[in-house]
N, C-alpha and C. Protein backbone atom coordinates (compact mmCIF):
# COMPACT_ATOMS: atom_id res chain seq x y z
N LEU A 1 -9.54 -8.07 -7.17
CA LEU A 1 -9.93 -8.13 -5.94
C LEU A 1 -11.05 -9.03 -5.64
N LYS A 2 -11.92 -9.33 -6.74
CA LYS A 2 -12.95 -10.41 -6.58
C LYS A 2 -12.36 -11.80 -6.45
N ALA A 3 -11.29 -12.15 -7.18
CA ALA A 3 -10.70 -13.36 -7.03
C ALA A 3 -9.94 -13.63 -5.54
N TYR A 4 -9.53 -12.50 -5.03
CA TYR A 4 -8.98 -12.33 -3.83
C TYR A 4 -9.99 -12.86 -2.75
N LYS A 5 -11.20 -11.93 -2.75
CA LYS A 5 -12.27 -12.14 -1.83
C LYS A 5 -12.80 -13.43 -1.93
N TYR A 6 -12.79 -14.17 -3.00
CA TYR A 6 -13.32 -15.53 -3.19
C TYR A 6 -12.30 -16.43 -2.34
N ALA A 7 -11.07 -16.17 -2.55
CA ALA A 7 -10.09 -17.13 -1.97
C ALA A 7 -10.14 -16.89 -0.55
N LEU A 8 -10.22 -15.77 -0.04
CA LEU A 8 -10.30 -15.53 1.52
C LEU A 8 -11.60 -16.20 2.03
N THR A 9 -12.76 -16.00 1.35
CA THR A 9 -14.05 -16.56 1.74
C THR A 9 -14.05 -18.17 1.83
N PHE A 10 -13.35 -18.69 0.77
CA PHE A 10 -13.14 -20.08 0.69
C PHE A 10 -12.35 -20.63 1.89
N ASN A 11 -11.22 -19.88 2.42
CA ASN A 11 -10.41 -20.26 3.40
C ASN A 11 -11.19 -20.09 4.69
N ILE A 12 -12.19 -19.26 5.05
CA ILE A 12 -12.79 -19.11 6.24
C ILE A 12 -14.14 -19.61 6.25
N TRP A 13 -14.67 -20.19 5.38
CA TRP A 13 -16.03 -20.82 5.52
C TRP A 13 -15.93 -22.19 5.77
N ARG A 14 -16.67 -22.28 6.81
CA ARG A 14 -16.61 -23.87 7.39
C ARG A 14 -18.15 -24.10 7.74
N TYR A 15 -18.75 -25.15 7.18
CA TYR A 15 -20.09 -25.62 7.27
C TYR A 15 -20.10 -25.86 8.79
N LYS A 16 -21.26 -25.63 9.66
CA LYS A 16 -21.30 -25.86 11.02
C LYS A 16 -20.41 -25.04 12.13
N GLU A 17 -19.30 -24.51 11.46
CA GLU A 17 -18.47 -23.78 12.43
C GLU A 17 -18.72 -22.28 11.96
N THR A 18 -18.78 -21.94 10.84
CA THR A 18 -19.14 -20.34 10.62
C THR A 18 -20.34 -20.05 10.14
N SER A 19 -21.06 -21.04 9.76
CA SER A 19 -22.45 -21.01 8.98
C SER A 19 -23.38 -22.21 9.00
N LYS A 20 -24.59 -22.06 8.98
CA LYS A 20 -25.53 -23.10 9.08
C LYS A 20 -25.68 -23.56 7.50
N GLU A 21 -25.32 -22.60 6.61
CA GLU A 21 -25.36 -22.78 5.22
C GLU A 21 -24.32 -23.86 4.83
N LYS A 22 -24.91 -24.77 3.98
CA LYS A 22 -23.86 -25.81 3.33
C LYS A 22 -23.13 -25.19 2.36
N GLU A 23 -23.77 -24.37 1.32
CA GLU A 23 -23.05 -23.83 0.23
C GLU A 23 -22.30 -22.45 0.67
N THR A 24 -21.08 -22.36 0.39
CA THR A 24 -20.34 -21.24 0.52
C THR A 24 -21.05 -19.94 -0.11
N GLN A 25 -21.15 -18.86 0.52
CA GLN A 25 -21.80 -17.71 0.00
C GLN A 25 -20.80 -16.69 -0.30
N TYR A 26 -20.56 -16.37 -1.56
CA TYR A 26 -19.70 -15.59 -2.06
C TYR A 26 -20.40 -14.28 -2.55
N GLN A 27 -20.40 -13.10 -1.51
CA GLN A 27 -21.35 -12.01 -1.91
C GLN A 27 -20.54 -11.15 -2.84
N SER A 28 -21.43 -10.28 -3.64
CA SER A 28 -20.70 -9.35 -4.41
C SER A 28 -19.91 -8.42 -4.05
N ILE A 29 -18.67 -8.18 -4.61
CA ILE A 29 -17.74 -7.17 -4.17
C ILE A 29 -18.43 -5.80 -4.04
N ASN A 30 -19.57 -5.53 -4.79
CA ASN A 30 -19.98 -4.21 -4.88
C ASN A 30 -21.55 -4.17 -3.70
N GLN A 31 -21.54 -5.28 -3.03
CA GLN A 31 -22.77 -5.37 -2.33
C GLN A 31 -22.61 -4.31 -1.27
N SER A 32 -23.69 -3.37 -0.91
CA SER A 32 -23.64 -2.34 0.07
C SER A 32 -23.38 -2.92 1.58
N PHE A 33 -22.67 -2.02 2.23
CA PHE A 33 -22.29 -2.46 3.52
C PHE A 33 -23.73 -2.26 4.32
N ARG A 34 -23.77 -2.77 5.50
CA ARG A 34 -24.74 -2.88 6.41
C ARG A 34 -24.25 -2.12 7.65
N MET A 35 -25.31 -1.09 7.98
CA MET A 35 -24.83 -0.14 9.06
C MET A 35 -25.15 -0.77 10.47
N VAL A 36 -24.28 -1.04 11.44
CA VAL A 36 -24.48 -1.60 12.59
C VAL A 36 -25.68 -0.89 13.22
N GLY A 37 -26.63 -1.43 13.84
CA GLY A 37 -27.89 -1.00 14.31
C GLY A 37 -28.92 -0.74 13.38
N SER A 38 -28.74 -0.74 12.07
CA SER A 38 -29.91 -0.84 11.16
C SER A 38 -30.60 -2.14 11.21
N ILE A 39 -31.63 -2.18 10.53
CA ILE A 39 -32.46 -3.63 10.44
C ILE A 39 -32.43 -4.22 9.08
N ASN A 40 -32.01 -5.58 9.47
CA ASN A 40 -32.05 -6.52 8.23
C ASN A 40 -33.30 -6.44 7.59
N GLU A 41 -33.27 -6.43 6.38
CA GLU A 41 -34.63 -6.44 5.53
C GLU A 41 -35.38 -7.95 5.47
N LYS A 42 -34.47 -8.71 5.55
CA LYS A 42 -35.17 -10.03 5.25
C LYS A 42 -35.77 -10.63 6.59
N HIS A 43 -34.92 -10.42 7.56
CA HIS A 43 -35.47 -11.06 8.98
C HIS A 43 -36.01 -10.12 9.92
N GLY A 44 -35.54 -8.79 9.90
CA GLY A 44 -36.05 -7.73 10.52
C GLY A 44 -35.21 -7.71 12.00
N ASN A 45 -34.15 -8.44 11.82
CA ASN A 45 -33.33 -8.22 13.04
C ASN A 45 -32.26 -7.05 13.07
N LYS A 46 -32.03 -6.55 14.26
CA LYS A 46 -30.93 -5.49 14.34
C LYS A 46 -29.68 -5.95 14.04
N ILE A 47 -28.85 -5.17 13.18
CA ILE A 47 -27.59 -5.54 12.67
C ILE A 47 -26.64 -5.46 14.01
N ILE A 48 -25.84 -6.35 14.19
CA ILE A 48 -24.72 -6.17 15.18
C ILE A 48 -23.53 -6.54 14.67
N ALA A 49 -22.49 -6.16 15.35
CA ALA A 49 -20.95 -6.29 14.88
C ALA A 49 -20.18 -6.71 16.08
N PHE A 50 -19.05 -7.45 15.82
CA PHE A 50 -18.16 -7.75 17.07
C PHE A 50 -16.67 -7.52 16.70
N LYS A 51 -16.14 -6.93 17.57
CA LYS A 51 -14.59 -6.66 17.31
C LYS A 51 -13.94 -7.85 17.74
N THR A 52 -13.29 -8.45 16.82
CA THR A 52 -12.35 -9.71 17.43
C THR A 52 -11.08 -9.52 17.19
N GLY A 53 -10.26 -8.55 17.08
CA GLY A 53 -9.14 -8.21 16.94
C GLY A 53 -8.81 -6.80 16.42
N ASN A 54 -7.46 -6.57 15.93
CA ASN A 54 -6.98 -5.37 15.54
C ASN A 54 -7.10 -5.48 13.97
N ARG A 55 -6.83 -4.52 13.34
CA ARG A 55 -6.72 -4.40 11.96
C ARG A 55 -5.61 -4.99 11.58
N VAL A 56 -5.61 -5.93 10.31
CA VAL A 56 -4.60 -6.52 9.68
C VAL A 56 -4.26 -5.76 8.30
N SER A 57 -3.02 -6.04 7.70
CA SER A 57 -2.71 -5.40 6.52
C SER A 57 -3.16 -6.50 5.42
N LEU A 58 -3.01 -5.86 4.22
CA LEU A 58 -3.26 -6.67 2.97
C LEU A 58 -1.98 -7.72 2.99
N GLU A 59 -0.74 -7.22 3.26
CA GLU A 59 0.32 -8.31 3.24
C GLU A 59 0.09 -9.45 4.30
N HIS A 60 -0.45 -9.08 5.49
CA HIS A 60 -0.89 -10.17 6.38
C HIS A 60 -1.79 -11.13 5.79
N MET A 61 -2.93 -10.63 5.11
CA MET A 61 -4.02 -11.51 4.61
C MET A 61 -3.52 -12.04 3.46
N ASN A 62 -2.45 -11.75 2.72
CA ASN A 62 -2.00 -12.51 1.62
C ASN A 62 -1.47 -13.73 1.85
N GLN A 63 -0.91 -13.93 3.07
CA GLN A 63 -0.29 -15.39 3.41
C GLN A 63 -1.46 -16.45 3.48
N TYR A 64 -2.62 -16.03 3.26
CA TYR A 64 -3.69 -16.96 3.59
C TYR A 64 -4.40 -17.41 2.36
N VAL A 65 -3.86 -16.94 1.23
CA VAL A 65 -4.31 -17.16 -0.16
C VAL A 65 -3.30 -17.62 -1.01
N LYS A 66 -3.50 -18.41 -2.15
CA LYS A 66 -2.58 -19.01 -2.98
C LYS A 66 -1.77 -17.69 -3.66
N GLU A 67 -0.74 -18.00 -4.00
CA GLU A 67 0.20 -16.69 -4.69
C GLU A 67 -0.40 -16.18 -5.85
N ASP A 68 -1.07 -16.95 -6.77
CA ASP A 68 -1.69 -16.11 -7.91
C ASP A 68 -2.93 -15.47 -7.55
N LYS A 69 -3.52 -15.50 -6.39
CA LYS A 69 -4.81 -14.79 -5.90
C LYS A 69 -4.22 -13.61 -5.05
N ARG A 70 -3.20 -13.61 -4.60
CA ARG A 70 -2.70 -12.51 -3.81
C ARG A 70 -2.76 -10.98 -4.45
N VAL A 71 -2.96 -10.19 -3.51
CA VAL A 71 -3.01 -8.51 -4.09
C VAL A 71 -1.61 -8.13 -4.07
N ASP A 72 -1.24 -7.54 -5.10
CA ASP A 72 0.18 -6.82 -5.19
C ASP A 72 -0.09 -5.56 -4.66
N VAL A 73 0.35 -5.01 -3.44
CA VAL A 73 0.04 -3.83 -2.69
C VAL A 73 0.63 -2.71 -3.44
N LEU A 74 1.80 -2.91 -4.30
CA LEU A 74 2.55 -2.03 -5.06
C LEU A 74 2.01 -1.66 -6.26
N LYS A 75 1.21 -2.26 -6.89
CA LYS A 75 0.48 -2.22 -8.32
C LYS A 75 -0.53 -1.20 -7.88
N ARG A 76 -0.67 -0.25 -8.93
CA ARG A 76 -1.71 0.88 -8.94
C ARG A 76 -3.09 0.26 -9.27
N LEU A 77 -3.90 0.69 -8.37
CA LEU A 77 -5.45 0.23 -8.73
C LEU A 77 -5.90 0.53 -10.03
N ARG A 78 -5.87 1.71 -10.42
CA ARG A 78 -6.36 2.14 -11.96
C ARG A 78 -4.95 2.60 -12.71
N PRO A 79 -4.24 1.77 -13.34
CA PRO A 79 -3.06 2.12 -14.05
C PRO A 79 -3.52 3.19 -15.08
N SER A 80 -2.47 4.26 -15.37
CA SER A 80 -2.89 5.22 -16.31
C SER A 80 -2.86 4.60 -17.60
N LYS A 81 -3.73 5.32 -18.58
CA LYS A 81 -3.63 4.78 -20.04
C LYS A 81 -2.66 5.54 -20.74
N HIS A 82 -1.91 6.43 -20.17
CA HIS A 82 -0.85 7.32 -20.77
C HIS A 82 0.30 7.15 -20.10
N THR A 83 1.66 7.18 -21.01
CA THR A 83 2.90 7.40 -20.19
C THR A 83 2.85 8.83 -19.73
N LEU A 84 4.00 9.27 -18.99
CA LEU A 84 4.09 10.56 -18.46
C LEU A 84 4.35 11.44 -19.65
N ALA A 85 5.25 10.98 -20.73
CA ALA A 85 5.61 11.81 -21.74
C ALA A 85 4.47 12.05 -22.77
N GLU A 86 3.38 11.01 -22.70
CA GLU A 86 2.17 11.36 -23.51
C GLU A 86 1.16 12.25 -22.63
N ALA A 87 1.15 12.40 -21.60
CA ALA A 87 0.14 12.99 -20.69
C ALA A 87 0.99 14.44 -20.60
N LYS A 88 2.11 14.52 -20.65
CA LYS A 88 2.64 15.97 -20.78
C LYS A 88 2.25 16.75 -22.22
N LEU A 89 2.17 15.83 -23.20
CA LEU A 89 1.94 16.45 -24.41
C LEU A 89 0.16 16.61 -24.41
N LYS A 90 -0.58 15.63 -23.99
CA LYS A 90 -1.99 15.83 -24.11
C LYS A 90 -2.63 16.59 -22.97
N PHE A 91 -2.04 16.80 -21.92
CA PHE A 91 -2.68 17.42 -20.67
C PHE A 91 -1.67 18.33 -20.14
N PRO A 92 -1.15 19.43 -20.88
CA PRO A 92 0.00 20.18 -20.44
C PRO A 92 -0.53 21.05 -19.15
N GLU A 93 -1.58 21.50 -18.93
CA GLU A 93 -1.95 22.18 -17.66
C GLU A 93 -1.81 21.43 -16.63
N TRP A 94 -2.35 20.09 -16.72
CA TRP A 94 -2.30 19.25 -15.59
C TRP A 94 -0.83 18.83 -15.33
N TYR A 95 -0.01 18.50 -16.30
CA TYR A 95 1.33 18.22 -16.17
C TYR A 95 1.95 19.44 -15.20
N GLU A 96 1.81 20.40 -15.93
CA GLU A 96 2.54 21.57 -15.23
C GLU A 96 2.10 21.78 -13.64
N LYS A 97 0.72 21.53 -13.24
CA LYS A 97 0.18 21.80 -12.19
C LYS A 97 0.55 20.65 -11.29
N VAL A 98 0.56 19.36 -11.65
CA VAL A 98 0.58 18.13 -10.65
C VAL A 98 2.13 17.48 -10.70
N ILE A 99 2.71 17.61 -11.80
CA ILE A 99 4.03 17.04 -11.86
C ILE A 99 5.14 18.18 -11.63
N ILE A 100 5.01 19.23 -12.24
CA ILE A 100 6.16 20.36 -11.96
C ILE A 100 5.90 20.94 -10.67
N GLN A 101 4.48 21.43 -10.39
CA GLN A 101 4.33 22.15 -9.24
C GLN A 101 4.23 21.37 -7.95
N GLY A 102 3.82 20.14 -8.25
CA GLY A 102 3.62 19.04 -7.09
C GLY A 102 2.16 19.33 -6.42
N GLN A 103 1.23 20.08 -7.16
CA GLN A 103 0.01 20.29 -6.45
C GLN A 103 -0.97 18.97 -6.73
N THR A 104 -1.73 18.69 -5.81
CA THR A 104 -2.68 17.77 -6.15
C THR A 104 -3.93 18.27 -5.45
N SER A 105 -5.07 17.75 -5.97
CA SER A 105 -6.39 18.08 -5.43
C SER A 105 -6.71 17.33 -4.26
N GLU A 106 -7.38 17.88 -3.42
CA GLU A 106 -7.82 17.28 -2.11
C GLU A 106 -8.80 16.38 -2.55
N ARG A 107 -8.93 15.16 -1.83
CA ARG A 107 -9.87 14.07 -2.03
C ARG A 107 -11.24 14.76 -1.52
N LYS A 108 -12.29 14.45 -2.25
CA LYS A 108 -13.66 14.93 -1.77
C LYS A 108 -14.14 14.04 -0.70
N LYS A 109 -14.81 14.77 0.38
CA LYS A 109 -15.36 14.15 1.60
C LYS A 109 -16.91 14.22 1.40
N TRP A 110 -17.34 13.12 2.03
CA TRP A 110 -18.64 13.08 2.18
C TRP A 110 -19.44 13.71 3.07
N ARG A 111 -20.00 14.83 3.14
CA ARG A 111 -20.55 15.75 4.15
C ARG A 111 -22.02 15.45 4.18
N ILE A 112 -22.68 15.02 5.20
CA ILE A 112 -24.05 14.82 5.24
C ILE A 112 -24.54 15.13 6.79
N LYS A 113 -25.84 15.60 6.60
CA LYS A 113 -26.40 15.98 8.07
C LYS A 113 -26.43 14.80 8.91
N LYS A 114 -26.29 14.73 10.22
CA LYS A 114 -26.13 13.55 11.01
C LYS A 114 -27.50 13.01 11.09
N ASP A 115 -28.58 13.65 11.08
CA ASP A 115 -29.93 13.05 11.17
C ASP A 115 -30.39 12.21 10.01
N VAL A 116 -29.65 12.72 8.91
CA VAL A 116 -29.76 11.82 7.63
C VAL A 116 -29.31 10.47 7.64
N TYR A 117 -27.92 10.39 8.29
CA TYR A 117 -27.13 9.17 8.51
C TYR A 117 -27.95 8.38 9.30
N GLU A 118 -28.44 8.91 10.57
CA GLU A 118 -29.04 8.12 11.46
C GLU A 118 -30.46 7.96 11.29
N TRP A 119 -31.06 7.96 10.29
CA TRP A 119 -32.50 8.04 9.99
C TRP A 119 -33.29 6.65 10.46
N TRP A 120 -32.56 5.73 10.63
CA TRP A 120 -33.02 4.39 10.94
C TRP A 120 -33.37 4.31 12.52
N LYS A 121 -32.89 5.01 13.23
CA LYS A 121 -32.96 4.87 14.70
C LYS A 121 -34.49 5.30 15.23
């Protein structure tokens, strides 16, 4: 994903059109998001956002980067370290529950008090 992000950033960064900075800024893929309405630490400005269009798919975005940098949407993000046959032997309880019975665990949801979420107001 890092190479993909760099390729997209390179394509949209235009000095004097999109930024006053001459050097392309490639932010870390792990950089925390900025919450709209929060205050920018460096300049003290309130963070704002603009909706400029509808959501787009990775397939759509792929057309803007070279083929070797594209995201394969069919490839698993974290490939298994074991084949299904190995997993059946090593993790029989999991195999029975997930593969045979078709049960999957629910994704954990982040639950937090609203006032903690909006502390910055």
